[in-house]
Amino acid sequence: SYGTQTQKAQTIINKALEITTQFA
């Protein structure tokens, strides 16, 4: 039901992890 949205969500999460790793 949410295939494309789940992939997009995971991309958003991965970007957030990059930012987090950069600052802390």
mmCIF file of all heavy atoms, coordinates in Angstrom:
data_MODEL
# 
_entry.id   MODEL 
# 
loop_
_atom_site.group_PDB 
_atom_site.id 
_atom_site.type_symbol 
_atom_site.label_atom_id 
_atom_site.label_alt_id 
_atom_site.label_comp_id 
_atom_site.label_asym_id 
_atom_site.label_entity_id 
_atom_site.label_seq_id 
_atom_site.pdbx_PDB_ins_code 
_atom_site.Cartn_x 
_atom_site.Cartn_y 
_atom_site.Cartn_z 
_atom_site.occupancy 
_atom_site.B_iso_or_equiv 
_atom_site.pdbx_formal_charge 
_atom_site.auth_seq_id 
_atom_site.auth_comp_id 
_atom_site.auth_asym_id 
_atom_site.auth_atom_id 
_atom_site.pdbx_PDB_model_num 
ATOM 1   N N   . SER A 1 1  ? 0.812  -1.219 0.000  1.00 0.00 ? 1  SER A N   1 
ATOM 2   C CA  . SER A 1 1  ? 0.000  0.000  0.000  1.00 0.00 ? 1  SER A CA  1 
ATOM 3   C C   . SER A 1 1  ? 0.841  1.263  0.000  1.00 0.00 ? 1  SER A C   1 
ATOM 4   O O   . SER A 1 1  ? 0.432  2.287  -0.526 1.00 0.00 ? 1  SER A O   1 
ATOM 5   C CB  . SER A 1 1  ? -0.904 0.026  1.230  1.00 0.00 ? 1  SER A CB  1 
ATOM 6   O OG  . SER A 1 1  ? -1.751 -1.092 1.243  1.00 0.00 ? 1  SER A OG  1 
ATOM 7   N N   . TYR A 1 2  ? 2.023  1.207  0.610  1.00 0.00 ? 2  TYR A N   1 
ATOM 8   C CA  . TYR A 1 2  ? 2.827  2.403  0.803  1.00 0.00 ? 2  TYR A CA  1 
ATOM 9   C C   . TYR A 1 2  ? 4.235  2.264  0.222  1.00 0.00 ? 2  TYR A C   1 
ATOM 10  O O   . TYR A 1 2  ? 5.161  2.915  0.693  1.00 0.00 ? 2  TYR A O   1 
ATOM 11  C CB  . TYR A 1 2  ? 2.928  2.723  2.302  1.00 0.00 ? 2  TYR A CB  1 
ATOM 12  C CG  . TYR A 1 2  ? 1.589  3.001  2.924  1.00 0.00 ? 2  TYR A CG  1 
ATOM 13  C CD1 . TYR A 1 2  ? 0.916  2.014  3.625  1.00 0.00 ? 2  TYR A CD1 1 
ATOM 14  C CD2 . TYR A 1 2  ? 0.987  4.243  2.783  1.00 0.00 ? 2  TYR A CD2 1 
ATOM 15  C CE1 . TYR A 1 2  ? -0.328 2.261  4.191  1.00 0.00 ? 2  TYR A CE1 1 
ATOM 16  C CE2 . TYR A 1 2  ? -0.246 4.501  3.339  1.00 0.00 ? 2  TYR A CE2 1 
ATOM 17  C CZ  . TYR A 1 2  ? -0.905 3.508  4.041  1.00 0.00 ? 2  TYR A CZ  1 
ATOM 18  O OH  . TYR A 1 2  ? -2.129 3.750  4.589  1.00 0.00 ? 2  TYR A OH  1 
ATOM 19  N N   . GLY A 1 3  ? 4.398  1.446  -0.798 1.00 0.00 ? 3  GLY A N   1 
ATOM 20  C CA  . GLY A 1 3  ? 5.716  1.152  -1.350 1.00 0.00 ? 3  GLY A CA  1 
ATOM 21  C C   . GLY A 1 3  ? 6.570  2.350  -1.657 1.00 0.00 ? 3  GLY A C   1 
ATOM 22  O O   . GLY A 1 3  ? 7.651  2.522  -1.102 1.00 0.00 ? 3  GLY A O   1 
ATOM 23  N N   . THR A 1 4  ? 6.126  3.224  -2.538 1.00 0.00 ? 4  THR A N   1 
ATOM 24  C CA  . THR A 1 4  ? 6.891  4.396  -2.916 1.00 0.00 ? 4  THR A CA  1 
ATOM 25  C C   . THR A 1 4  ? 7.073  5.336  -1.724 1.00 0.00 ? 4  THR A C   1 
ATOM 26  O O   . THR A 1 4  ? 8.148  5.888  -1.521 1.00 0.00 ? 4  THR A O   1 
ATOM 27  C CB  . THR A 1 4  ? 6.190  5.149  -4.065 1.00 0.00 ? 4  THR A CB  1 
ATOM 28  O OG1 . THR A 1 4  ? 6.017  4.255  -5.151 1.00 0.00 ? 4  THR A OG1 1 
ATOM 29  C CG2 . THR A 1 4  ? 6.989  6.350  -4.508 1.00 0.00 ? 4  THR A CG2 1 
ATOM 30  N N   . GLN A 1 5  ? 6.023  5.488  -0.930 1.00 0.00 ? 5  GLN A N   1 
ATOM 31  C CA  . GLN A 1 5  ? 6.102  6.364  0.236  1.00 0.00 ? 5  GLN A CA  1 
ATOM 32  C C   . GLN A 1 5  ? 7.080  5.814  1.276  1.00 0.00 ? 5  GLN A C   1 
ATOM 33  O O   . GLN A 1 5  ? 7.781  6.576  1.939  1.00 0.00 ? 5  GLN A O   1 
ATOM 34  C CB  . GLN A 1 5  ? 4.720  6.538  0.863  1.00 0.00 ? 5  GLN A CB  1 
ATOM 35  C CG  . GLN A 1 5  ? 3.767  7.303  -0.033 1.00 0.00 ? 5  GLN A CG  1 
ATOM 36  C CD  . GLN A 1 5  ? 2.395  7.395  0.580  1.00 0.00 ? 5  GLN A CD  1 
ATOM 37  O OE1 . GLN A 1 5  ? 2.261  7.859  1.704  1.00 0.00 ? 5  GLN A OE1 1 
ATOM 38  N NE2 . GLN A 1 5  ? 1.386  6.944  -0.143 1.00 0.00 ? 5  GLN A NE2 1 
ATOM 39  N N   . THR A 1 6  ? 7.128  4.496  1.417  1.00 0.00 ? 6  THR A N   1 
ATOM 40  C CA  . THR A 1 6  ? 8.062  3.877  2.357  1.00 0.00 ? 6  THR A CA  1 
ATOM 41  C C   . THR A 1 6  ? 9.498  4.103  1.897  1.00 0.00 ? 6  THR A C   1 
ATOM 42  O O   . THR A 1 6  ? 10.375 4.410  2.713  1.00 0.00 ? 6  THR A O   1 
ATOM 43  C CB  . THR A 1 6  ? 7.775  2.367  2.504  1.00 0.00 ? 6  THR A CB  1 
ATOM 44  O OG1 . THR A 1 6  ? 6.423  2.202  2.936  1.00 0.00 ? 6  THR A OG1 1 
ATOM 45  C CG2 . THR A 1 6  ? 8.697  1.729  3.512  1.00 0.00 ? 6  THR A CG2 1 
ATOM 46  N N   . GLN A 1 7  ? 9.742  3.973  0.611  1.00 0.00 ? 7  GLN A N   1 
ATOM 47  C CA  . GLN A 1 7  ? 11.087 4.239  0.084  1.00 0.00 ? 7  GLN A CA  1 
ATOM 48  C C   . GLN A 1 7  ? 11.478 5.695  0.297  1.00 0.00 ? 7  GLN A C   1 
ATOM 49  O O   . GLN A 1 7  ? 12.602 5.991  0.697  1.00 0.00 ? 7  GLN A O   1 
ATOM 50  C CB  . GLN A 1 7  ? 11.158 3.882  -1.396 1.00 0.00 ? 7  GLN A CB  1 
ATOM 51  C CG  . GLN A 1 7  ? 11.105 2.389  -1.659 1.00 0.00 ? 7  GLN A CG  1 
ATOM 52  C CD  . GLN A 1 7  ? 11.060 2.078  -3.141 1.00 0.00 ? 7  GLN A CD  1 
ATOM 53  O OE1 . GLN A 1 7  ? 10.674 2.895  -3.963 1.00 0.00 ? 7  GLN A OE1 1 
ATOM 54  N NE2 . GLN A 1 7  ? 11.456 0.857  -3.482 1.00 0.00 ? 7  GLN A NE2 1 
ATOM 55  N N   . LYS A 1 8  ? 10.548 6.605  0.041  1.00 0.00 ? 8  LYS A N   1 
ATOM 56  C CA  . LYS A 1 8  ? 10.799 8.030  0.246  1.00 0.00 ? 8  LYS A CA  1 
ATOM 57  C C   . LYS A 1 8  ? 11.056 8.298  1.732  1.00 0.00 ? 8  LYS A C   1 
ATOM 58  O O   . LYS A 1 8  ? 11.969 9.053  2.082  1.00 0.00 ? 8  LYS A O   1 
ATOM 59  C CB  . LYS A 1 8  ? 9.611  8.862  -0.246 1.00 0.00 ? 8  LYS A CB  1 
ATOM 60  C CG  . LYS A 1 8  ? 9.823  10.344 -0.086 1.00 0.00 ? 8  LYS A CG  1 
ATOM 61  C CD  . LYS A 1 8  ? 8.614  11.127 -0.591 1.00 0.00 ? 8  LYS A CD  1 
ATOM 62  C CE  . LYS A 1 8  ? 8.803  12.610 -0.318 1.00 0.00 ? 8  LYS A CE  1 
ATOM 63  N NZ  . LYS A 1 8  ? 7.632  13.403 -0.650 1.00 0.00 ? 8  LYS A NZ  1 
ATOM 64  N N   . ALA A 1 9  ? 10.264 7.677  2.601  1.00 0.00 ? 9  ALA A N   1 
ATOM 65  C CA  . ALA A 1 9  ? 10.434 7.849  4.048  1.00 0.00 ? 9  ALA A CA  1 
ATOM 66  C C   . ALA A 1 9  ? 11.811 7.375  4.491  1.00 0.00 ? 9  ALA A C   1 
ATOM 67  O O   . ALA A 1 9  ? 12.472 8.032  5.302  1.00 0.00 ? 9  ALA A O   1 
ATOM 68  C CB  . ALA A 1 9  ? 9.342  7.094  4.803  1.00 0.00 ? 9  ALA A CB  1 
ATOM 69  N N   . GLN A 1 10 ? 12.261 6.250  3.955  1.00 0.00 ? 10 GLN A N   1 
ATOM 70  C CA  . GLN A 1 10 ? 13.578 5.735  4.320  1.00 0.00 ? 10 GLN A CA  1 
ATOM 71  C C   . GLN A 1 10 ? 14.679 6.675  3.850  1.00 0.00 ? 10 GLN A C   1 
ATOM 72  O O   . GLN A 1 10 ? 15.670 6.883  4.557  1.00 0.00 ? 10 GLN A O   1 
ATOM 73  C CB  . GLN A 1 10 ? 13.798 4.326  3.770  1.00 0.00 ? 10 GLN A CB  1 
ATOM 74  C CG  . GLN A 1 10 ? 15.016 3.642  4.344  1.00 0.00 ? 10 GLN A CG  1 
ATOM 75  C CD  . GLN A 1 10 ? 14.974 3.526  5.863  1.00 0.00 ? 10 GLN A CD  1 
ATOM 76  O OE1 . GLN A 1 10 ? 14.041 2.968  6.424  1.00 0.00 ? 10 GLN A OE1 1 
ATOM 77  N NE2 . GLN A 1 10 ? 15.981 4.071  6.529  1.00 0.00 ? 10 GLN A NE2 1 
ATOM 78  N N   . THR A 1 11 ? 14.506 7.281  2.691  1.00 0.00 ? 11 THR A N   1 
ATOM 79  C CA  . THR A 1 11 ? 15.465 8.268  2.190  1.00 0.00 ? 11 THR A CA  1 
ATOM 80  C C   . THR A 1 11 ? 15.509 9.482  3.126  1.00 0.00 ? 11 THR A C   1 
ATOM 81  O O   . THR A 1 11 ? 16.587 9.995  3.441  1.00 0.00 ? 11 THR A O   1 
ATOM 82  C CB  . THR A 1 11 ? 15.086 8.714  0.760  1.00 0.00 ? 11 THR A CB  1 
ATOM 83  O OG1 . THR A 1 11 ? 15.093 7.557  -0.088 1.00 0.00 ? 11 THR A OG1 1 
ATOM 84  C CG2 . THR A 1 11 ? 16.039 9.756  0.217  1.00 0.00 ? 11 THR A CG2 1 
ATOM 85  N N   . ILE A 1 12 ? 14.350 9.927  3.581  1.00 0.00 ? 12 ILE A N   1 
ATOM 86  C CA  . ILE A 1 12 ? 14.266 11.059 4.516  1.00 0.00 ? 12 ILE A CA  1 
ATOM 87  C C   . ILE A 1 12 ? 14.967 10.706 5.826  1.00 0.00 ? 12 ILE A C   1 
ATOM 88  O O   . ILE A 1 12 ? 15.728 11.507 6.378  1.00 0.00 ? 12 ILE A O   1 
ATOM 89  C CB  . ILE A 1 12 ? 12.793 11.459 4.748  1.00 0.00 ? 12 ILE A CB  1 
ATOM 90  C CG1 . ILE A 1 12 ? 12.230 12.114 3.475  1.00 0.00 ? 12 ILE A CG1 1 
ATOM 91  C CG2 . ILE A 1 12 ? 12.650 12.377 5.957  1.00 0.00 ? 12 ILE A CG2 1 
ATOM 92  C CD1 . ILE A 1 12 ? 10.728 12.307 3.475  1.00 0.00 ? 12 ILE A CD1 1 
ATOM 93  N N   . ILE A 1 13 ? 14.717 9.503  6.333  1.00 0.00 ? 13 ILE A N   1 
ATOM 94  C CA  . ILE A 1 13 ? 15.352 9.037  7.572  1.00 0.00 ? 13 ILE A CA  1 
ATOM 95  C C   . ILE A 1 13 ? 16.876 8.973  7.394  1.00 0.00 ? 13 ILE A C   1 
ATOM 96  O O   . ILE A 1 13 ? 17.636 9.402  8.270  1.00 0.00 ? 13 ILE A O   1 
ATOM 97  C CB  . ILE A 1 13 ? 14.791 7.662  7.993  1.00 0.00 ? 13 ILE A CB  1 
ATOM 98  C CG1 . ILE A 1 13 ? 13.327 7.788  8.440  1.00 0.00 ? 13 ILE A CG1 1 
ATOM 99  C CG2 . ILE A 1 13 ? 15.656 7.005  9.055  1.00 0.00 ? 13 ILE A CG2 1 
ATOM 100 C CD1 . ILE A 1 13 ? 13.110 8.466  9.768  1.00 0.00 ? 13 ILE A CD1 1 
ATOM 101 N N   . ASN A 1 14 ? 17.327 8.444  6.259  1.00 0.00 ? 14 ASN A N   1 
ATOM 102 C CA  . ASN A 1 14 ? 18.777 8.336  6.010  1.00 0.00 ? 14 ASN A CA  1 
ATOM 103 C C   . ASN A 1 14 ? 19.440 9.712  5.989  1.00 0.00 ? 14 ASN A C   1 
ATOM 104 O O   . ASN A 1 14 ? 20.533 9.893  6.525  1.00 0.00 ? 14 ASN A O   1 
ATOM 105 C CB  . ASN A 1 14 ? 19.051 7.590  4.709  1.00 0.00 ? 14 ASN A CB  1 
ATOM 106 C CG  . ASN A 1 14 ? 18.696 6.123  4.806  1.00 0.00 ? 14 ASN A CG  1 
ATOM 107 O OD1 . ASN A 1 14 ? 18.545 5.565  5.892  1.00 0.00 ? 14 ASN A OD1 1 
ATOM 108 N ND2 . ASN A 1 14 ? 18.528 5.484  3.658  1.00 0.00 ? 14 ASN A ND2 1 
ATOM 109 N N   . LYS A 1 15 ? 18.782 10.689 5.379  1.00 0.00 ? 15 LYS A N   1 
ATOM 110 C CA  . LYS A 1 15 ? 19.307 12.051 5.355  1.00 0.00 ? 15 LYS A CA  1 
ATOM 111 C C   . LYS A 1 15 ? 19.359 12.608 6.778  1.00 0.00 ? 15 LYS A C   1 
ATOM 112 O O   . LYS A 1 15 ? 20.346 13.261 7.163  1.00 0.00 ? 15 LYS A O   1 
ATOM 113 C CB  . LYS A 1 15 ? 18.441 12.945 4.448  1.00 0.00 ? 15 LYS A CB  1 
ATOM 114 C CG  . LYS A 1 15 ? 18.897 14.374 4.387  1.00 0.00 ? 15 LYS A CG  1 
ATOM 115 C CD  . LYS A 1 15 ? 20.270 14.508 3.772  1.00 0.00 ? 15 LYS A CD  1 
ATOM 116 C CE  . LYS A 1 15 ? 20.672 15.974 3.687  1.00 0.00 ? 15 LYS A CE  1 
ATOM 117 N NZ  . LYS A 1 15 ? 22.064 16.152 3.350  1.00 0.00 ? 15 LYS A NZ  1 
ATOM 118 N N   . ALA A 1 16 ? 18.340 12.335 7.570  1.00 0.00 ? 16 ALA A N   1 
ATOM 119 C CA  . ALA A 1 16 ? 18.317 12.790 8.965  1.00 0.00 ? 16 ALA A CA  1 
ATOM 120 C C   . ALA A 1 16 ? 19.462 12.164 9.757  1.00 0.00 ? 16 ALA A C   1 
ATOM 121 O O   . ALA A 1 16 ? 20.088 12.829 10.591 1.00 0.00 ? 16 ALA A O   1 
ATOM 122 C CB  . ALA A 1 16 ? 16.969 12.449 9.603  1.00 0.00 ? 16 ALA A CB  1 
ATOM 123 N N   . LEU A 1 17 ? 19.746 10.902 9.497  1.00 0.00 ? 17 LEU A N   1 
ATOM 124 C CA  . LEU A 1 17 ? 20.872 10.233 10.166 1.00 0.00 ? 17 LEU A CA  1 
ATOM 125 C C   . LEU A 1 17 ? 22.196 10.878 9.793  1.00 0.00 ? 17 LEU A C   1 
ATOM 126 O O   . LEU A 1 17 ? 23.078 11.028 10.642 1.00 0.00 ? 17 LEU A O   1 
ATOM 127 C CB  . LEU A 1 17 ? 20.875 8.745  9.824  1.00 0.00 ? 17 LEU A CB  1 
ATOM 128 C CG  . LEU A 1 17 ? 19.836 7.892  10.525 1.00 0.00 ? 17 LEU A CG  1 
ATOM 129 C CD1 . LEU A 1 17 ? 19.762 6.504  9.904  1.00 0.00 ? 17 LEU A CD1 1 
ATOM 130 C CD2 . LEU A 1 17 ? 20.121 7.803  12.016 1.00 0.00 ? 17 LEU A CD2 1 
ATOM 131 N N   . GLU A 1 18 ? 22.341 11.276 8.543  1.00 0.00 ? 18 GLU A N   1 
ATOM 132 C CA  . GLU A 1 18 ? 23.566 11.963 8.105  1.00 0.00 ? 18 GLU A CA  1 
ATOM 133 C C   . GLU A 1 18 ? 23.750 13.281 8.857  1.00 0.00 ? 18 GLU A C   1 
ATOM 134 O O   . GLU A 1 18 ? 24.854 13.589 9.314  1.00 0.00 ? 18 GLU A O   1 
ATOM 135 C CB  . GLU A 1 18 ? 23.512 12.251 6.597  1.00 0.00 ? 18 GLU A CB  1 
ATOM 136 C CG  . GLU A 1 18 ? 23.659 11.045 5.720  1.00 0.00 ? 18 GLU A CG  1 
ATOM 137 C CD  . GLU A 1 18 ? 23.480 11.386 4.245  1.00 0.00 ? 18 GLU A CD  1 
ATOM 138 O OE1 . GLU A 1 18 ? 23.596 12.577 3.867  1.00 0.00 ? 18 GLU A OE1 1 
ATOM 139 O OE2 . GLU A 1 18 ? 23.206 10.465 3.460  1.00 0.00 ? 18 GLU A OE2 1 
ATOM 140 N N   . ILE A 1 19 ? 22.666 14.026 8.980  1.00 0.00 ? 19 ILE A N   1 
ATOM 141 C CA  . ILE A 1 19 ? 22.733 15.308 9.694  1.00 0.00 ? 19 ILE A CA  1 
ATOM 142 C C   . ILE A 1 19 ? 23.087 15.070 11.160 1.00 0.00 ? 19 ILE A C   1 
ATOM 143 O O   . ILE A 1 19 ? 23.944 15.750 11.728 1.00 0.00 ? 19 ILE A O   1 
ATOM 144 C CB  . ILE A 1 19 ? 21.395 16.071 9.578  1.00 0.00 ? 19 ILE A CB  1 
ATOM 145 C CG1 . ILE A 1 19 ? 21.141 16.467 8.119  1.00 0.00 ? 19 ILE A CG1 1 
ATOM 146 C CG2 . ILE A 1 19 ? 21.384 17.298 10.493 1.00 0.00 ? 19 ILE A CG2 1 
ATOM 147 C CD1 . ILE A 1 19 ? 19.736 16.956 7.842  1.00 0.00 ? 19 ILE A CD1 1 
ATOM 148 N N   . THR A 1 20 ? 22.447 14.082 11.760 1.00 0.00 ? 20 THR A N   1 
ATOM 149 C CA  . THR A 1 20 ? 22.711 13.762 13.164 1.00 0.00 ? 20 THR A CA  1 
ATOM 150 C C   . THR A 1 20 ? 24.168 13.373 13.373 1.00 0.00 ? 20 THR A C   1 
ATOM 151 O O   . THR A 1 20 ? 24.821 13.840 14.310 1.00 0.00 ? 20 THR A O   1 
ATOM 152 C CB  . THR A 1 20 ? 21.790 12.618 13.638 1.00 0.00 ? 20 THR A CB  1 
ATOM 153 O OG1 . THR A 1 20 ? 20.429 13.014 13.427 1.00 0.00 ? 20 THR A OG1 1 
ATOM 154 C CG2 . THR A 1 20 ? 21.987 12.308 15.099 1.00 0.00 ? 20 THR A CG2 1 
ATOM 155 N N   . THR A 1 21 ? 24.681 12.537 12.495 1.00 0.00 ? 21 THR A N   1 
ATOM 156 C CA  . THR A 1 21 ? 26.073 12.098 12.593 1.00 0.00 ? 21 THR A CA  1 
ATOM 157 C C   . THR A 1 21 ? 27.031 13.270 12.433 1.00 0.00 ? 21 THR A C   1 
ATOM 158 O O   . THR A 1 21 ? 28.068 13.333 13.091 1.00 0.00 ? 21 THR A O   1 
ATOM 159 C CB  . THR A 1 21 ? 26.369 11.018 11.534 1.00 0.00 ? 21 THR A CB  1 
ATOM 160 O OG1 . THR A 1 21 ? 25.478 9.926  11.744 1.00 0.00 ? 21 THR A OG1 1 
ATOM 161 C CG2 . THR A 1 21 ? 27.798 10.529 11.614 1.00 0.00 ? 21 THR A CG2 1 
ATOM 162 N N   . GLN A 1 22 ? 26.687 14.204 11.573 1.00 0.00 ? 22 GLN A N   1 
ATOM 163 C CA  . GLN A 1 22 ? 27.524 15.382 11.353 1.00 0.00 ? 22 GLN A CA  1 
ATOM 164 C C   . GLN A 1 22 ? 27.627 16.242 12.616 1.00 0.00 ? 22 GLN A C   1 
ATOM 165 O O   . GLN A 1 22 ? 28.697 16.745 12.942 1.00 0.00 ? 22 GLN A O   1 
ATOM 166 C CB  . GLN A 1 22 ? 26.952 16.207 10.203 1.00 0.00 ? 22 GLN A CB  1 
ATOM 167 C CG  . GLN A 1 22 ? 27.720 17.457 9.898  1.00 0.00 ? 22 GLN A CG  1 
ATOM 168 C CD  . GLN A 1 22 ? 27.077 18.271 8.784  1.00 0.00 ? 22 GLN A CD  1 
ATOM 169 O OE1 . GLN A 1 22 ? 26.025 17.926 8.267  1.00 0.00 ? 22 GLN A OE1 1 
ATOM 170 N NE2 . GLN A 1 22 ? 27.703 19.378 8.440  1.00 0.00 ? 22 GLN A NE2 1 
ATOM 171 N N   . PHE A 1 23 ? 26.509 16.406 13.339 1.00 0.00 ? 23 PHE A N   1 
ATOM 172 C CA  . PHE A 1 23 ? 26.492 17.315 14.486 1.00 0.00 ? 23 PHE A CA  1 
ATOM 173 C C   . PHE A 1 23 ? 26.704 16.630 15.833 1.00 0.00 ? 23 PHE A C   1 
ATOM 174 O O   . PHE A 1 23 ? 27.116 17.288 16.787 1.00 0.00 ? 23 PHE A O   1 
ATOM 175 C CB  . PHE A 1 23 ? 25.188 18.118 14.505 1.00 0.00 ? 23 PHE A CB  1 
ATOM 176 C CG  . PHE A 1 23 ? 25.155 19.156 13.431 1.00 0.00 ? 23 PHE A CG  1 
ATOM 177 C CD1 . PHE A 1 23 ? 24.548 18.898 12.214 1.00 0.00 ? 23 PHE A CD1 1 
ATOM 178 C CD2 . PHE A 1 23 ? 25.772 20.385 13.615 1.00 0.00 ? 23 PHE A CD2 1 
ATOM 179 C CE1 . PHE A 1 23 ? 24.537 19.854 11.208 1.00 0.00 ? 23 PHE A CE1 1 
ATOM 180 C CE2 . PHE A 1 23 ? 25.771 21.345 12.623 1.00 0.00 ? 23 PHE A CE2 1 
ATOM 181 C CZ  . PHE A 1 23 ? 25.157 21.068 11.409 1.00 0.00 ? 23 PHE A CZ  1 
ATOM 182 N N   . ALA A 1 24 ? 26.398 15.339 15.923 1.00 0.00 ? 24 ALA A N   1 
ATOM 183 C CA  . ALA A 1 24 ? 26.550 14.646 17.210 1.00 0.00 ? 24 ALA A CA  1 
ATOM 184 C C   . ALA A 1 24 ? 26.776 13.157 16.972 1.00 0.00 ? 24 ALA A C   1 
ATOM 185 O O   . ALA A 1 24 ? 25.903 12.331 17.226 1.00 0.00 ? 24 ALA A O   1 
ATOM 186 C CB  . ALA A 1 24 ? 25.312 14.868 18.070 1.00 0.00 ? 24 ALA A CB  1 
# 
